[in-house]
Amino acid sequence: MTQTDTTQTNSPTNHETPLAGKTAVVAAGAKNLGGLISTRLAGLGADVAVHYNSDSSRADAEKTQAAIAELGTKAILVQGDLTLPVNVTTLFDQAVDAFGGVDIAINTVGKVLRKPIVETTEDEYDDMFAINSKAAFFFLQEAGKRCNDDATIITIVTSLLAAYTDGYATYAGGKSPVEHFTRAASKEFADPGIRVNSIAPGPMDTPFFYPQETPERVEFHKSQALGNRLTAIEDIAPIATFLCTDGGWITGQTLFANGGYTTR
């Protein structure tokens, strides 16, 4: 598999920068989908606080920071395990300290596990819900406290929320509450004009997907979508940037973007 280089920024050819003067926080913004979103937002003029979880992602974070600098905007790097709410607070603190405020908050944090219910351990359950649900809740909470008026908040969930399948109980189960968090937050944060949405990609062509599946199941997942392929990160990043620019009348929604893999 050829991994996508998230430093390819594809900045607007007409040099439009609708996010000039804006600040974005991107959780798990160092690589893969988060890295591409970070650089796309920078290409539209935003300064970006790029979060990464562990030392193993530091080099990717630095690469994304360098790509953002080449676009003429600024990036800071913030490390932390976001299953600990204190680290979520620190992420927003550092963004505000560096840039003066937050206009966009995007959470791409997630972990995939495909395992039968009867084989899942308590530690695996706790880990999956801490990463996919708890971190998302406290990211939304902090964003609601710290974002400027008319801000955009986005969480990445999964199209498995509309699937009837086996094996992904703790993954889809851990993401499922985020839909409810999103709807509640969109009402609670509405007065200052803050929009809150989730994006639900299909199975994505990233290094996180393949270890969970057999080659035969990978081919099945491909067969269920347009073009007989998995979702690419390039399919999802433009939806995020749209919600941050022209999509200001969308709030409280889960946007399924999966080439017809699932629907509801």
C-alpha atoms as a PDB file:
ATOM      1  CA  MET A   1       0.000   0.000   0.000  1.00  0.00           C
ATOM      2  CA  THR A   2       1.226   3.479  -0.842  1.00  0.00           C
ATOM      3  CA  GLN A   3       0.606   5.872   2.013  1.00  0.00           C
ATOM      4  CA  THR A   4      -0.632   9.332   1.167  1.00  0.00           C
ATOM      5  CA  ASP A   5       1.832  12.167   1.821  1.00  0.00           C
ATOM      6  CA  THR A   6      -0.111  14.547   4.029  1.00  0.00           C
ATOM      7  CA  THR A   7       2.349  17.348   3.356  1.00  0.00           C
ATOM      8  CA  GLN A   8       0.855  17.788  -0.120  1.00  0.00           C
ATOM      9  CA  THR A   9      -1.072  20.908   0.666  1.00  0.00           C
ATOM     10  CA  ASN A  10      -3.013  21.587  -2.539  1.00  0.00           C
ATOM     11  CA  SER A  11      -3.455  25.198  -1.492  1.00  0.00           C
ATOM     12  CA  PRO A  12      -5.930  27.241  -3.555  1.00  0.00           C
ATOM     13  CA  THR A  13      -4.495  28.161  -6.950  1.00  0.00           C
ATOM     14  CA  ASN A  14      -6.269  31.514  -6.882  1.00  0.00           C
ATOM     15  CA  HIS A  15      -4.590  32.372  -3.572  1.00  0.00           C
ATOM     16  CA  GLU A  16      -7.897  32.879  -1.794  1.00  0.00           C
ATOM     17  CA  THR A  17      -7.509  32.668   1.957  1.00  0.00           C
ATOM     18  CA  PRO A  18     -10.979  32.694   3.522  1.00  0.00           C
ATOM     19  CA  LEU A  19      -9.505  31.579   6.866  1.00  0.00           C
ATOM     20  CA  ALA A  20      -6.908  34.328   7.076  1.00  0.00           C
ATOM     21  CA  GLY A  21      -6.683  35.557  10.655  1.00  0.00           C
ATOM     22  CA  LYS A  22      -8.371  32.409  11.969  1.00  0.00           C
ATOM     23  CA  THR A  23      -6.901  29.792  14.304  1.00  0.00           C
ATOM     24  CA  ALA A  24      -7.504  26.051  14.206  1.00  0.00           C
ATOM     25  CA  VAL A  25      -6.870  23.295  16.732  1.00  0.00           C
ATOM     26  CA  VAL A  26      -6.530  19.872  15.095  1.00  0.00           C
ATOM     27  CA  ALA A  27      -6.407  16.923  17.472  1.00  0.00           C
ATOM     28  CA  ALA A  28      -4.281  14.113  15.999  1.00  0.00           C
ATOM     29  CA  GLY A  29      -3.300  16.669  13.395  1.00  0.00           C
ATOM     30  CA  ALA A  30       0.179  15.371  12.637  1.00  0.00           C
ATOM     31  CA  LYS A  31      -0.421  12.718   9.977  1.00  0.00           C
ATOM     32  CA  ASN A  32      -2.938  10.829   7.868  1.00  0.00           C
ATOM     33  CA  LEU A  33      -6.327  12.578   7.787  1.00  0.00           C
ATOM     34  CA  GLY A  34      -5.437  14.958  10.615  1.00  0.00           C
ATOM     35  CA  GLY A  35      -2.237  15.979   8.873  1.00  0.00           C
ATOM     36  CA  LEU A  36      -4.032  16.671   5.606  1.00  0.00           C
ATOM     37  CA  ILE A  37      -6.714  18.708   7.365  1.00  0.00           C
ATOM     38  CA  SER A  38      -4.023  20.718   9.173  1.00  0.00           C
ATOM     39  CA  THR A  39      -2.288  21.639   5.930  1.00  0.00           C
ATOM     40  CA  ARG A  40      -5.523  22.298   4.035  1.00  0.00           C
ATOM     41  CA  LEU A  41      -6.654  24.730   6.736  1.00  0.00           C
ATOM     42  CA  ALA A  42      -3.252  26.424   6.603  1.00  0.00           C
ATOM     43  CA  GLY A  43      -3.562  26.671   2.826  1.00  0.00           C
ATOM     44  CA  LEU A  44      -6.772  28.623   3.372  1.00  0.00           C
ATOM     45  CA  GLY A  45      -4.979  31.039   5.701  1.00  0.00           C
ATOM     46  CA  ALA A  46      -5.413  29.602   9.197  1.00  0.00           C
ATOM     47  CA  ASP A  47      -2.772  29.268  11.883  1.00  0.00           C
ATOM     48  CA  VAL A  48      -2.870  25.757  13.326  1.00  0.00           C
ATOM     49  CA  ALA A  49      -2.213  24.113  16.680  1.00  0.00           C
ATOM     50  CA  VAL A  50      -1.154  20.615  15.613  1.00  0.00           C
ATOM     51  CA  HIS A  51      -1.752  18.037  18.330  1.00  0.00           C
ATOM     52  CA  TYR A  52      -0.011  14.670  18.443  1.00  0.00           C
ATOM     53  CA  ASN A  53      -0.272  11.925  21.010  1.00  0.00           C
ATOM     54  CA  SER A  54       3.160  10.381  21.540  1.00  0.00           C
ATOM     55  CA  ASP A  55       6.843  10.680  20.736  1.00  0.00           C
ATOM     56  CA  SER A  56       6.384   8.210  17.877  1.00  0.00           C
ATOM     57  CA  SER A  57       4.393  10.895  15.988  1.00  0.00           C
ATOM     58  CA  ARG A  58       6.784  13.761  16.693  1.00  0.00           C
ATOM     59  CA  ALA A  59       8.583  13.526  13.342  1.00  0.00           C
ATOM     60  CA  ASP A  60       5.251  13.569  11.472  1.00  0.00           C
ATOM     61  CA  ALA A  61       4.126  16.571  13.495  1.00  0.00           C
ATOM     62  CA  GLU A  62       7.321  18.440  12.660  1.00  0.00           C
ATOM     63  CA  LYS A  63       6.877  17.606   8.973  1.00  0.00           C
ATOM     64  CA  THR A  64       3.345  18.994   9.040  1.00  0.00           C
ATOM     65  CA  GLN A  65       4.544  22.089  10.908  1.00  0.00           C
ATOM     66  CA  ALA A  66       7.164  22.684   8.215  1.00  0.00           C
ATOM     67  CA  ALA A  67       4.567  22.293   5.458  1.00  0.00           C
ATOM     68  CA  ILE A  68       2.362  24.861   7.174  1.00  0.00           C
ATOM     69  CA  ALA A  69       5.264  27.292   7.458  1.00  0.00           C
ATOM     70  CA  GLU A  70       5.866  26.966   3.719  1.00  0.00           C
ATOM     71  CA  LEU A  71       2.294  28.127   3.165  1.00  0.00           C
ATOM     72  CA  GLY A  72       3.015  31.323   5.073  1.00  0.00           C
ATOM     73  CA  THR A  73       0.969  30.618   8.187  1.00  0.00           C
ATOM     74  CA  LYS A  74       2.016  29.529  11.658  1.00  0.00           C
ATOM     75  CA  ALA A  75       1.851  26.220  13.493  1.00  0.00           C
ATOM     76  CA  ILE A  76       2.597  25.131  17.013  1.00  0.00           C
ATOM     77  CA  LEU A  77       2.980  21.536  18.162  1.00  0.00           C
ATOM     78  CA  VAL A  78       1.231  20.251  21.279  1.00  0.00           C
ATOM     79  CA  GLN A  79       1.738  16.736  22.606  1.00  0.00           C
ATOM     80  CA  GLY A  80      -0.655  14.969  24.956  1.00  0.00           C
ATOM     81  CA  ASP A  81      -2.891  11.988  25.644  1.00  0.00           C
ATOM     82  CA  LEU A  82      -6.367  13.447  25.157  1.00  0.00           C
ATOM     83  CA  THR A  83      -8.047  10.699  27.164  1.00  0.00           C
ATOM     84  CA  LEU A  84      -6.871  12.833  30.100  1.00  0.00           C
ATOM     85  CA  PRO A  85      -9.065  15.980  30.153  1.00  0.00           C
ATOM     86  CA  VAL A  86      -6.225  18.054  31.627  1.00  0.00           C
ATOM     87  CA  ASN A  87      -4.331  17.537  28.362  1.00  0.00           C
ATOM     88  CA  VAL A  88      -7.315  18.746  26.351  1.00  0.00           C
ATOM     89  CA  THR A  89      -7.310  21.911  28.434  1.00  0.00           C
ATOM     90  CA  THR A  90      -3.574  22.320  27.874  1.00  0.00           C
ATOM     91  CA  LEU A  91      -4.050  21.950  24.099  1.00  0.00           C
ATOM     92  CA  PHE A  92      -6.523  24.834  24.003  1.00  0.00           C
ATOM     93  CA  ASP A  93      -4.451  26.858  26.480  1.00  0.00           C
ATOM     94  CA  GLN A  94      -1.429  26.666  24.209  1.00  0.00           C
ATOM     95  CA  ALA A  95      -3.451  27.546  21.123  1.00  0.00           C
ATOM     96  CA  VAL A  96      -4.928  30.602  22.825  1.00  0.00           C
ATOM     97  CA  ASP A  97      -1.542  31.629  24.228  1.00  0.00           C
ATOM     98  CA  ALA A  98       0.071  31.340  20.786  1.00  0.00           C
ATOM     99  CA  PHE A  99      -2.652  32.795  18.584  1.00  0.00           C
ATOM    100  CA  GLY A 100      -5.075  34.674  20.838  1.00  0.00           C
ATOM    101  CA  GLY A 101      -8.129  32.503  20.285  1.00  0.00           C
ATOM    102  CA  VAL A 102      -9.636  29.470  18.556  1.00  0.00           C
ATOM    103  CA  ASP A 103     -12.031  29.624  15.602  1.00  0.00           C
ATOM    104  CA  ILE A 104     -11.898  26.006  14.422  1.00  0.00           C
ATOM    105  CA  ALA A 105     -11.605  22.850  16.531  1.00  0.00           C
ATOM    106  CA  ILE A 106     -11.362  19.511  14.750  1.00  0.00           C
ATOM    107  CA  ASN A 107     -10.953  16.200  16.546  1.00  0.00           C
ATOM    108  CA  THR A 108      -9.611  13.371  14.366  1.00  0.00           C
ATOM    109  CA  VAL A 109      -8.538  11.194  17.329  1.00  0.00           C
ATOM    110  CA  GLY A 110      -9.627   7.578  17.063  1.00  0.00           C
ATOM    111  CA  LYS A 111      -8.624   3.965  17.443  1.00  0.00           C
ATOM    112  CA  VAL A 112      -9.901   0.973  15.485  1.00  0.00           C
ATOM    113  CA  LEU A 113     -10.386  -2.525  16.876  1.00  0.00           C
ATOM    114  CA  ARG A 114     -12.100  -5.424  15.153  1.00  0.00           C
ATOM    115  CA  LYS A 115     -12.693  -8.168  17.686  1.00  0.00           C
ATOM    116  CA  PRO A 116     -15.644 -10.368  18.654  1.00  0.00           C
ATOM    117  CA  ILE A 117     -17.554  -9.308  21.751  1.00  0.00           C
ATOM    118  CA  VAL A 118     -16.850 -12.594  23.518  1.00  0.00           C
ATOM    119  CA  GLU A 119     -13.083 -12.106  23.075  1.00  0.00           C
ATOM    120  CA  THR A 120     -12.878  -8.432  24.070  1.00  0.00           C
ATOM    121  CA  THR A 121     -11.129  -7.740  27.364  1.00  0.00           C
ATOM    122  CA  GLU A 122     -12.094  -5.122  29.911  1.00  0.00           C
ATOM    123  CA  ASP A 123      -8.869  -3.226  29.197  1.00  0.00           C
ATOM    124  CA  GLU A 124      -9.655  -3.169  25.461  1.00  0.00           C
ATOM    125  CA  TYR A 125     -13.177  -1.933  26.163  1.00  0.00           C
ATOM    126  CA  ASP A 126     -11.929   0.821  28.460  1.00  0.00           C
ATOM    127  CA  ASP A 127      -9.235   1.852  25.976  1.00  0.00           C
ATOM    128  CA  MET A 128     -11.617   2.053  23.026  1.00  0.00           C
ATOM    129  CA  PHE A 129     -14.212   4.107  24.875  1.00  0.00           C
ATOM    130  CA  ALA A 130     -11.579   6.387  26.410  1.00  0.00           C
ATOM    131  CA  ILE A 131     -10.117   7.228  22.984  1.00  0.00           C
ATOM    132  CA  ASN A 132     -13.249   7.278  20.837  1.00  0.00           C
ATOM    133  CA  SER A 133     -15.816   8.619  23.298  1.00  0.00           C
ATOM    134  CA  LYS A 134     -14.290  10.205  26.412  1.00  0.00           C
ATOM    135  CA  ALA A 135     -11.625  12.192  24.528  1.00  0.00           C
ATOM    136  CA  ALA A 136     -14.280  13.376  22.059  1.00  0.00           C
ATOM    137  CA  PHE A 137     -16.592  14.536  24.871  1.00  0.00           C
ATOM    138  CA  PHE A 138     -13.963  16.569  26.680  1.00  0.00           C
ATOM    139  CA  PHE A 139     -12.647  17.998  23.405  1.00  0.00           C
ATOM    140  CA  LEU A 140     -16.175  19.238  22.663  1.00  0.00           C
ATOM    141  CA  GLN A 141     -16.492  20.548  26.202  1.00  0.00           C
ATOM    142  CA  GLU A 142     -13.270  22.529  26.026  1.00  0.00           C
ATOM    143  CA  ALA A 143     -14.039  23.785  22.533  1.00  0.00           C
ATOM    144  CA  GLY A 144     -17.409  25.026  23.750  1.00  0.00           C
ATOM    145  CA  LYS A 145     -15.702  26.936  26.554  1.00  0.00           C
ATOM    146  CA  ARG A 146     -12.798  28.338  24.570  1.00  0.00           C
ATOM    147  CA  CYS A 147     -13.835  28.878  20.959  1.00  0.00           C
ATOM    148  CA  ASN A 148     -14.625  32.326  19.619  1.00  0.00           C
ATOM    149  CA  ASP A 149     -18.116  33.265  18.473  1.00  0.00           C
ATOM    150  CA  ASP A 150     -19.116  31.786  15.092  1.00  0.00           C
ATOM    151  CA  ALA A 151     -16.583  28.987  15.447  1.00  0.00           C
ATOM    152  CA  THR A 152     -16.681  25.554  13.809  1.00  0.00           C
ATOM    153  CA  ILE A 153     -16.276  22.302  15.747  1.00  0.00           C
ATOM    154  CA  ILE A 154     -15.941  18.956  13.951  1.00  0.00           C
ATOM    155  CA  THR A 155     -15.424  15.386  15.156  1.00  0.00           C
ATOM    156  CA  ILE A 156     -14.492  12.462  12.914  1.00  0.00           C
ATOM    157  CA  VAL A 157     -16.668   9.422  13.582  1.00  0.00           C
ATOM    158  CA  THR A 158     -17.332   6.421  11.275  1.00  0.00           C
ATOM    159  CA  SER A 159     -19.808   5.245   8.658  1.00  0.00           C
ATOM    160  CA  LEU A 160     -20.032   1.990  10.609  1.00  0.00           C
ATOM    161  CA  LEU A 161     -22.629   3.879  12.670  1.00  0.00           C
ATOM    162  CA  ALA A 162     -24.985   3.084   9.787  1.00  0.00           C
ATOM    163  CA  ALA A 163     -23.722  -0.465   9.201  1.00  0.00           C
ATOM    164  CA  TYR A 164     -25.049  -3.815  10.341  1.00  0.00           C
ATOM    165  CA  THR A 165     -21.891  -5.827  10.790  1.00  0.00           C
ATOM    166  CA  ASP A 166     -19.847  -7.907  13.164  1.00  0.00           C
ATOM    167  CA  GLY A 167     -16.566  -7.342  14.940  1.00  0.00           C
ATOM    168  CA  TYR A 168     -16.642  -3.591  15.504  1.00  0.00           C
ATOM    169  CA  ALA A 169     -18.723  -3.426  18.683  1.00  0.00           C
ATOM    170  CA  THR A 170     -16.251  -1.332  20.673  1.00  0.00           C
ATOM    171  CA  TYR A 171     -15.172   0.844  17.724  1.00  0.00           C
ATOM    172  CA  ALA A 172     -18.597   1.780  16.371  1.00  0.00           C
ATOM    173  CA  GLY A 173     -19.951   1.603  19.922  1.00  0.00           C
ATOM    174  CA  GLY A 174     -17.302   4.019  21.135  1.00  0.00           C
ATOM    175  CA  LYS A 175     -18.013   6.441  18.290  1.00  0.00           C
ATOM    176  CA  SER A 176     -21.789   6.201  18.591  1.00  0.00           C
ATOM    177  CA  PRO A 177     -22.125   8.523  21.623  1.00  0.00           C
ATOM    178  CA  VAL A 178     -20.347  11.267  19.675  1.00  0.00           C
ATOM    179  CA  GLU A 179     -23.437  11.717  17.508  1.00  0.00           C
ATOM    180  CA  HIS A 180     -25.410  12.518  20.645  1.00  0.00           C
ATOM    181  CA  PHE A 181     -22.634  14.757  21.968  1.00  0.00           C
ATOM    182  CA  THR A 182     -22.671  16.597  18.630  1.00  0.00           C
ATOM    183  CA  ARG A 183     -26.409  17.209  18.638  1.00  0.00           C
ATOM    184  CA  ALA A 184     -26.433  18.381  22.246  1.00  0.00           C
ATOM    185  CA  ALA A 185     -23.411  20.644  21.740  1.00  0.00           C
ATOM    186  CA  SER A 186     -24.904  22.185  18.588  1.00  0.00           C
ATOM    187  CA  LYS A 187     -27.895  23.321  20.669  1.00  0.00           C
ATOM    188  CA  GLU A 188     -25.923  24.336  23.741  1.00  0.00           C
ATOM    189  CA  PHE A 189     -23.333  26.339  21.750  1.00  0.00           C
ATOM    190  CA  ALA A 190     -25.814  27.890  19.307  1.00  0.00           C
ATOM    191  CA  ASP A 191     -26.175  31.332  20.899  1.00  0.00           C
ATOM    192  CA  PRO A 192     -22.625  32.449  20.041  1.00  0.00           C
ATOM    193  CA  GLY A 193     -23.094  31.011  16.550  1.00  0.00           C
ATOM    194  CA  ILE A 194     -20.853  27.956  17.029  1.00  0.00           C
ATOM    195  CA  ARG A 195     -21.550  25.120  14.573  1.00  0.00           C
ATOM    196  CA  VAL A 196     -20.938  21.532  15.698  1.00  0.00           C
ATOM    197  CA  ASN A 197     -20.900  18.581  13.296  1.00  0.00           C
ATOM    198  CA  SER A 198     -19.474  15.115  12.821  1.00  0.00           C
ATOM    199  CA  ILE A 199     -18.069  13.590   9.636  1.00  0.00           C
ATOM    200  CA  ALA A 200     -18.453   9.834   9.150  1.00  0.00           C
ATOM    201  CA  PRO A 201     -15.970   8.423   6.606  1.00  0.00           C
ATOM    202  CA  GLY A 202     -16.160   4.936   5.192  1.00  0.00           C
ATOM    203  CA  PRO A 203     -13.303   2.501   5.844  1.00  0.00           C
ATOM    204  CA  MET A 204     -10.255   4.631   5.097  1.00  0.00           C
ATOM    205  CA  ASP A 205      -7.132   3.773   3.182  1.00  0.00           C
ATOM    206  CA  THR A 206      -4.779   4.455   6.101  1.00  0.00           C
ATOM    207  CA  PRO A 207      -2.349   2.303   8.099  1.00  0.00           C
ATOM    208  CA  PHE A 208      -4.905   1.952  10.900  1.00  0.00           C
ATOM    209  CA  PHE A 209      -7.402   0.001   8.810  1.00  0.00           C
ATOM    210  CA  TYR A 210      -5.458  -2.881   7.319  1.00  0.00           C
ATOM    211  CA  PRO A 211      -4.306  -4.684  10.489  1.00  0.00           C
ATOM    212  CA  GLN A 212      -7.960  -5.190  11.447  1.00  0.00           C
ATOM    213  CA  GLU A 213      -9.005  -6.997   8.267  1.00  0.00           C
ATOM    214  CA  THR A 214      -8.152  -9.960   6.073  1.00  0.00           C
ATOM    215  CA  PRO A 215      -7.313  -9.289   2.398  1.00  0.00           C
ATOM    216  CA  GLU A 216     -10.662 -10.812   1.452  1.00  0.00           C
ATOM    217  CA  ARG A 217     -12.571  -8.466   3.749  1.00  0.00           C
ATOM    218  CA  VAL A 218     -10.619  -5.483   2.440  1.00  0.00           C
ATOM    219  CA  GLU A 219     -11.800  -6.368  -1.058  1.00  0.00           C
ATOM    220  CA  PHE A 220     -15.368  -6.687   0.223  1.00  0.00           C
ATOM    221  CA  HIS A 221     -15.229  -3.231   1.821  1.00  0.00           C
ATOM    222  CA  LYS A 222     -13.915  -1.817  -1.456  1.00  0.00           C
ATOM    223  CA  SER A 223     -16.727  -3.480  -3.416  1.00  0.00           C
ATOM    224  CA  GLN A 224     -19.380  -1.627  -1.395  1.00  0.00           C
ATOM    225  CA  ALA A 225     -18.343   1.875  -2.485  1.00  0.00           C
ATOM    226  CA  LEU A 226     -18.074   3.927  -5.660  1.00  0.00           C
ATOM    227  CA  GLY A 227     -15.074   3.068  -7.791  1.00  0.00           C
ATOM    228  CA  ASN A 228     -14.474  -0.193  -5.935  1.00  0.00           C
ATOM    229  CA  ARG A 229     -12.179   1.540  -3.464  1.00  0.00           C
ATOM    230  CA  LEU A 230     -11.831   2.584   0.147  1.00  0.00           C
ATOM    231  CA  THR A 231     -12.407   6.115   1.351  1.00  0.00           C
ATOM    232  CA  ALA A 232      -9.313   8.285   0.869  1.00  0.00           C
ATOM    233  CA  ILE A 233      -8.287  11.043   3.227  1.00  0.00           C
ATOM    234  CA  GLU A 234      -8.572  13.385   0.238  1.00  0.00           C
ATOM    235  CA  ASP A 235     -12.293  12.571   0.156  1.00  0.00           C
ATOM    236  CA  ILE A 236     -12.786  13.807   3.708  1.00  0.00           C
ATOM    237  CA  ALA A 237     -10.521  16.848   4.129  1.00  0.00           C
ATOM    238  CA  PRO A 238     -12.548  19.021   1.682  1.00  0.00           C
ATOM    239  CA  ILE A 239     -15.702  18.336   3.707  1.00  0.00           C
ATOM    240  CA  ALA A 240     -13.950  19.602   6.820  1.00  0.00           C
ATOM    241  CA  THR A 241     -12.756  22.753   5.064  1.00  0.00           C
ATOM    242  CA  PHE A 242     -16.223  23.317   3.580  1.00  0.00           C
ATOM    243  CA  LEU A 243     -17.757  23.235   7.064  1.00  0.00           C
ATOM    244  CA  CYS A 244     -15.160  25.822   8.125  1.00  0.00           C
ATOM    245  CA  THR A 245     -15.890  28.149   5.200  1.00  0.00           C
ATOM    246  CA  ASP A 246     -19.067  28.009   3.097  1.00  0.00           C
ATOM    247  CA  GLY A 247     -20.892  25.399   5.187  1.00  0.00           C
ATOM    248  CA  GLY A 248     -21.908  27.693   8.007  1.00  0.00           C
ATOM    249  CA  TRP A 249     -25.607  26.787   7.850  1.00  0.00           C
ATOM    250  CA  ILE A 250     -24.887  23.146   8.734  1.00  0.00           C
ATOM    251  CA  THR A 251     -24.918  22.232  12.419  1.00  0.00           C
ATOM    252  CA  GLY A 252     -25.896  19.287  14.597  1.00  0.00           C
ATOM    253  CA  GLN A 253     -25.346  16.835  11.745  1.00  0.00           C
ATOM    254  CA  THR A 254     -23.415  13.663  11.016  1.00  0.00           C
ATOM    255  CA  LEU A 255     -22.244  13.858   7.412  1.00  0.00           C
ATOM    256  CA  PHE A 256     -21.750  10.395   5.904  1.00  0.00           C
ATOM    257  CA  ALA A 257     -19.009  10.508   3.273  1.00  0.00           C
ATOM    258  CA  ASN A 258     -18.299   6.998   2.066  1.00  0.00           C
ATOM    259  CA  GLY A 259     -19.032   6.593  -1.640  1.00  0.00           C
ATOM    260  CA  GLY A 260     -22.292   4.819  -0.900  1.00  0.00           C
ATOM    261  CA  TYR A 261     -20.763   2.296   1.507  1.00  0.00           C
ATOM    262  CA  THR A 262     -23.611   2.855   3.955  1.00  0.00           C
ATOM    263  CA  THR A 263     -26.616   5.138   4.161  1.00  0.00           C
ATOM    264  CA  ARG A 264     -29.520   5.849   6.459  1.00  0.00           C
END
